[in-house]
Amino acid sequence: MLQNGKITVAVTLEELRAWHDELSATTKIQSPEKPPTKEALLTRKEVISLLGVDSSTLWRWAKTGYLSPVNFGGQRRYRKAEVDAIINGVKR
């Protein structure tokens, strides 16, 4: 329907669902990276305090993959299990 230069389209719920199913089948939607919910995560300051290192050391470890950060809501967090492994001397 055309009114005052605007177009109005009427779609049934079944047509909308069919369009959604078709679009979903042809499009790969990537969800943002989410850390595991059951895993304890630490902030940068917590890790620095626990390990007694400088922030530049933490940055270097992240760069080399020694201690990998997890992106969580636009912020970096570190897995407590990895930090504990460093503290206990398991990870060298």
N, C-alpha and C. Protein backbone atom coordinates (compact mmCIF):
# COMPACT_ATOMS: atom_id res chain seq x y z
N MET A 1 0.85 -1.16 0.00
CA MET A 1 0.00 0.00 0.00
C MET A 1 0.90 1.23 0.00
N LEU A 2 0.56 2.21 -0.81
CA LEU A 2 1.33 3.44 -0.93
C LEU A 2 0.50 4.60 -0.40
N GLN A 3 1.02 5.27 0.65
CA GLN A 3 0.34 6.42 1.23
C GLN A 3 1.36 7.51 1.51
N ASN A 4 1.10 8.69 1.02
CA ASN A 4 1.96 9.84 1.26
C ASN A 4 3.44 9.55 0.99
N GLY A 5 3.69 8.80 -0.06
CA GLY A 5 5.07 8.49 -0.43
C GLY A 5 5.71 7.40 0.41
N LYS A 6 4.94 6.77 1.30
CA LYS A 6 5.47 5.69 2.14
C LYS A 6 4.83 4.37 1.71
N ILE A 7 5.61 3.32 1.76
CA ILE A 7 5.12 2.00 1.39
C ILE A 7 4.86 1.19 2.65
N THR A 8 3.71 0.57 2.71
CA THR A 8 3.37 -0.30 3.81
C THR A 8 3.26 -1.73 3.28
N VAL A 9 3.89 -2.66 3.99
CA VAL A 9 3.87 -4.05 3.57
C VAL A 9 3.21 -4.87 4.67
N ALA A 10 2.28 -5.71 4.29
CA ALA A 10 1.62 -6.60 5.24
C ALA A 10 2.18 -8.00 5.05
N VAL A 11 2.62 -8.61 6.15
CA VAL A 11 3.21 -9.95 6.11
C VAL A 11 2.56 -10.78 7.20
N THR A 12 2.21 -12.01 6.85
CA THR A 12 1.64 -12.89 7.87
C THR A 12 2.76 -13.46 8.73
N LEU A 13 2.40 -13.96 9.88
CA LEU A 13 3.37 -14.55 10.79
C LEU A 13 4.05 -15.76 10.14
N GLU A 14 3.30 -16.55 9.41
CA GLU A 14 3.87 -17.72 8.73
C GLU A 14 4.89 -17.29 7.68
N GLU A 15 4.60 -16.23 6.93
CA GLU A 15 5.54 -15.73 5.93
C GLU A 15 6.81 -15.20 6.58
N LEU A 16 6.64 -14.53 7.71
CA LEU A 16 7.79 -14.00 8.43
C LEU A 16 8.67 -15.13 8.96
N ARG A 17 8.05 -16.17 9.48
CA ARG A 17 8.80 -17.33 9.97
C ARG A 17 9.54 -18.02 8.83
N ALA A 18 8.89 -18.17 7.70
CA ALA A 18 9.52 -18.81 6.55
C ALA A 18 10.72 -17.98 6.08
N TRP A 19 10.57 -16.68 6.04
CA TRP A 19 11.69 -15.79 5.65
C TRP A 19 12.83 -15.92 6.65
N HIS A 20 12.50 -15.96 7.94
CA HIS A 20 13.52 -16.10 8.99
C HIS A 20 14.27 -17.42 8.82
N ASP A 21 13.54 -18.51 8.61
CA ASP A 21 14.17 -19.82 8.44
C ASP A 21 15.09 -19.84 7.22
N GLU A 22 14.64 -19.24 6.15
CA GLU A 22 15.45 -19.18 4.92
C GLU A 22 16.70 -18.33 5.15
N LEU A 23 16.55 -17.21 5.80
CA LEU A 23 17.68 -16.34 6.08
C LEU A 23 18.68 -17.01 7.02
N SER A 24 18.17 -17.69 8.03
CA SER A 24 19.04 -18.38 8.98
C SER A 24 19.81 -19.51 8.32
N ALA A 25 19.18 -20.19 7.38
CA ALA A 25 19.83 -21.30 6.69
C ALA A 25 20.95 -20.83 5.77
N THR A 26 20.82 -19.63 5.23
CA THR A 26 21.81 -19.15 4.26
C THR A 26 22.86 -18.23 4.87
N THR A 27 22.67 -17.82 6.11
CA THR A 27 23.58 -16.88 6.75
C THR A 27 24.22 -17.53 7.97
N LYS A 28 25.54 -17.41 8.07
CA LYS A 28 26.22 -17.90 9.25
C LYS A 28 26.37 -16.73 10.21
N ILE A 29 25.65 -16.80 11.30
CA ILE A 29 25.70 -15.74 12.31
C ILE A 29 26.72 -16.15 13.35
N GLN A 30 27.72 -15.30 13.55
CA GLN A 30 28.75 -15.59 14.53
C GLN A 30 28.42 -14.86 15.82
N SER A 31 28.34 -15.62 16.89
CA SER A 31 28.08 -15.00 18.18
C SER A 31 29.39 -14.51 18.77
N PRO A 32 29.34 -13.46 19.60
CA PRO A 32 30.57 -12.96 20.20
C PRO A 32 31.20 -14.02 21.09
N GLU A 33 32.52 -13.95 21.19
CA GLU A 33 33.25 -14.91 22.01
C GLU A 33 32.84 -14.76 23.47
N LYS A 34 32.47 -15.88 24.06
CA LYS A 34 32.07 -15.85 25.46
C LYS A 34 32.95 -16.84 26.22
N PRO A 35 33.43 -16.42 27.36
CA PRO A 35 34.22 -17.36 28.16
C PRO A 35 33.32 -18.39 28.82
N PRO A 36 33.87 -19.54 29.16
CA PRO A 36 33.05 -20.53 29.87
C PRO A 36 32.50 -19.93 31.17
N THR A 37 31.25 -20.22 31.46
CA THR A 37 30.60 -19.58 32.60
C THR A 37 31.04 -20.17 33.94
N LYS A 38 31.49 -21.42 33.94
CA LYS A 38 31.86 -22.06 35.19
C LYS A 38 33.31 -21.82 35.57
N GLU A 39 34.05 -21.20 34.69
CA GLU A 39 35.48 -20.99 34.92
C GLU A 39 35.72 -19.66 35.63
N ALA A 40 36.55 -19.70 36.65
CA ALA A 40 36.87 -18.48 37.40
C ALA A 40 37.84 -17.62 36.58
N LEU A 41 37.53 -16.33 36.49
CA LEU A 41 38.37 -15.40 35.75
C LEU A 41 38.88 -14.31 36.69
N LEU A 42 40.09 -13.85 36.42
CA LEU A 42 40.73 -12.83 37.24
C LEU A 42 41.01 -11.59 36.41
N THR A 43 41.00 -10.44 37.08
CA THR A 43 41.34 -9.19 36.40
C THR A 43 42.86 -9.08 36.30
N ARG A 44 43.31 -8.13 35.51
CA ARG A 44 44.74 -7.88 35.34
C ARG A 44 45.39 -7.55 36.67
N LYS A 45 44.74 -6.70 37.45
CA LYS A 45 45.29 -6.30 38.75
C LYS A 45 45.39 -7.49 39.71
N GLU A 46 44.40 -8.36 39.68
CA GLU A 46 44.43 -9.54 40.54
C GLU A 46 45.59 -10.46 40.16
N VAL A 47 45.81 -10.64 38.87
CA VAL A 47 46.90 -11.50 38.40
C VAL A 47 48.25 -10.90 38.78
N ILE A 48 48.41 -9.60 38.56
CA ILE A 48 49.66 -8.92 38.92
C ILE A 48 49.94 -9.09 40.41
N SER A 49 48.92 -8.95 41.22
CA SER A 49 49.08 -9.09 42.66
C SER A 49 49.43 -10.52 43.06
N LEU A 50 48.73 -11.50 42.49
CA LEU A 50 48.97 -12.89 42.83
C LEU A 50 50.35 -13.38 42.40
N LEU A 51 50.78 -12.96 41.22
CA LEU A 51 52.06 -13.45 40.68
C LEU A 51 53.24 -12.56 41.06
N GLY A 52 52.94 -11.34 41.51
CA GLY A 52 54.01 -10.42 41.88
C GLY A 52 54.85 -10.00 40.69
N VAL A 53 54.18 -9.77 39.56
CA VAL A 53 54.87 -9.33 38.35
C VAL A 53 54.41 -7.95 37.95
N ASP A 54 55.14 -7.35 37.04
CA ASP A 54 54.80 -6.03 36.51
C ASP A 54 53.78 -6.20 35.38
N SER A 55 53.04 -5.15 35.08
CA SER A 55 52.04 -5.22 34.00
C SER A 55 52.69 -5.47 32.65
N SER A 56 53.94 -5.02 32.47
CA SER A 56 54.64 -5.27 31.20
C SER A 56 54.94 -6.76 31.03
N THR A 57 55.22 -7.45 32.15
CA THR A 57 55.45 -8.89 32.10
C THR A 57 54.16 -9.60 31.70
N LEU A 58 53.07 -9.19 32.27
CA LEU A 58 51.77 -9.78 31.94
C LEU A 58 51.44 -9.55 30.47
N TRP A 59 51.72 -8.36 29.97
CA TRP A 59 51.49 -8.05 28.55
C TRP A 59 52.35 -8.96 27.67
N ARG A 60 53.63 -9.13 28.05
CA ARG A 60 54.55 -9.96 27.26
C ARG A 60 54.09 -11.43 27.27
N TRP A 61 53.64 -11.91 28.43
CA TRP A 61 53.15 -13.28 28.50
C TRP A 61 51.93 -13.47 27.62
N ALA A 62 51.06 -12.49 27.58
CA ALA A 62 49.87 -12.57 26.71
C ALA A 62 50.30 -12.57 25.24
N LYS A 63 51.30 -11.77 24.92
CA LYS A 63 51.79 -11.67 23.53
C LYS A 63 52.42 -12.98 23.07
N THR A 64 53.15 -13.64 23.98
CA THR A 64 53.83 -14.89 23.62
C THR A 64 52.94 -16.12 23.79
N GLY A 65 51.78 -15.97 24.45
CA GLY A 65 50.87 -17.09 24.65
C GLY A 65 51.13 -17.85 25.93
N TYR A 66 52.05 -17.39 26.74
CA TYR A 66 52.35 -18.06 28.01
C TYR A 66 51.15 -18.00 28.95
N LEU A 67 50.49 -16.87 28.99
CA LEU A 67 49.28 -16.69 29.79
C LEU A 67 48.26 -15.98 28.90
N SER A 68 47.31 -16.74 28.40
CA SER A 68 46.37 -16.22 27.41
C SER A 68 45.17 -15.53 28.06
N PRO A 69 44.92 -14.27 27.71
CA PRO A 69 43.74 -13.58 28.24
C PRO A 69 42.47 -14.02 27.51
N VAL A 70 41.36 -13.82 28.19
CA VAL A 70 40.04 -14.11 27.63
C VAL A 70 39.32 -12.78 27.50
N ASN A 71 38.73 -12.52 26.33
CA ASN A 71 37.95 -11.30 26.15
C ASN A 71 36.59 -11.49 26.80
N PHE A 72 36.26 -10.58 27.71
CA PHE A 72 35.03 -10.68 28.47
C PHE A 72 34.41 -9.29 28.56
N GLY A 73 33.42 -9.04 27.73
CA GLY A 73 32.75 -7.73 27.74
C GLY A 73 33.68 -6.59 27.39
N GLY A 74 34.59 -6.82 26.45
CA GLY A 74 35.52 -5.77 26.03
C GLY A 74 36.70 -5.60 26.98
N GLN A 75 36.80 -6.45 27.96
CA GLN A 75 37.90 -6.38 28.91
C GLN A 75 38.66 -7.70 28.90
N ARG A 76 39.91 -7.65 29.33
CA ARG A 76 40.71 -8.87 29.41
C ARG A 76 40.60 -9.47 30.80
N ARG A 77 40.40 -10.77 30.81
CA ARG A 77 40.40 -11.53 32.05
C ARG A 77 41.35 -12.71 31.85
N TYR A 78 41.81 -13.26 32.95
CA TYR A 78 42.75 -14.38 32.90
C TYR A 78 42.18 -15.55 33.68
N ARG A 79 42.38 -16.75 33.13
CA ARG A 79 41.85 -17.96 33.76
C ARG A 79 42.60 -18.22 35.07
N LYS A 80 41.83 -18.41 36.14
CA LYS A 80 42.42 -18.66 37.45
C LYS A 80 43.23 -19.95 37.43
N ALA A 81 42.76 -20.95 36.70
CA ALA A 81 43.47 -22.23 36.62
C ALA A 81 44.87 -22.05 36.02
N GLU A 82 45.00 -21.19 35.00
CA GLU A 82 46.31 -20.93 34.40
C GLU A 82 47.22 -20.20 35.37
N VAL A 83 46.67 -19.23 36.09
CA VAL A 83 47.45 -18.48 37.07
C VAL A 83 47.90 -19.41 38.19
N ASP A 84 47.00 -20.28 38.65
CA ASP A 84 47.35 -21.25 39.69
C ASP A 84 48.46 -22.19 39.22
N ALA A 85 48.43 -22.58 37.94
CA ALA A 85 49.47 -23.45 37.40
C ALA A 85 50.83 -22.76 37.44
N ILE A 86 50.85 -21.47 37.16
CA ILE A 86 52.11 -20.72 37.23
C ILE A 86 52.58 -20.63 38.68
N ILE A 87 51.66 -20.34 39.60
CA ILE A 87 52.00 -20.24 41.02
C ILE A 87 52.56 -21.56 41.55
N ASN A 88 51.95 -22.67 41.15
CA ASN A 88 52.36 -23.99 41.63
C ASN A 88 53.55 -24.56 40.87
N GLY A 89 54.06 -23.84 39.89
CA GLY A 89 55.23 -24.29 39.15
C GLY A 89 54.94 -25.35 38.11
N VAL A 90 53.65 -25.59 37.83
CA VAL A 90 53.28 -26.58 36.83
C VAL A 90 53.56 -26.05 35.43
N LYS A 91 53.33 -24.79 35.23
CA LYS A 91 53.54 -24.16 33.92
C LYS A 91 54.85 -23.40 33.94
N ARG A 92 55.71 -23.72 33.00
CA ARG A 92 57.01 -23.07 32.93
C ARG A 92 57.16 -22.34 31.62
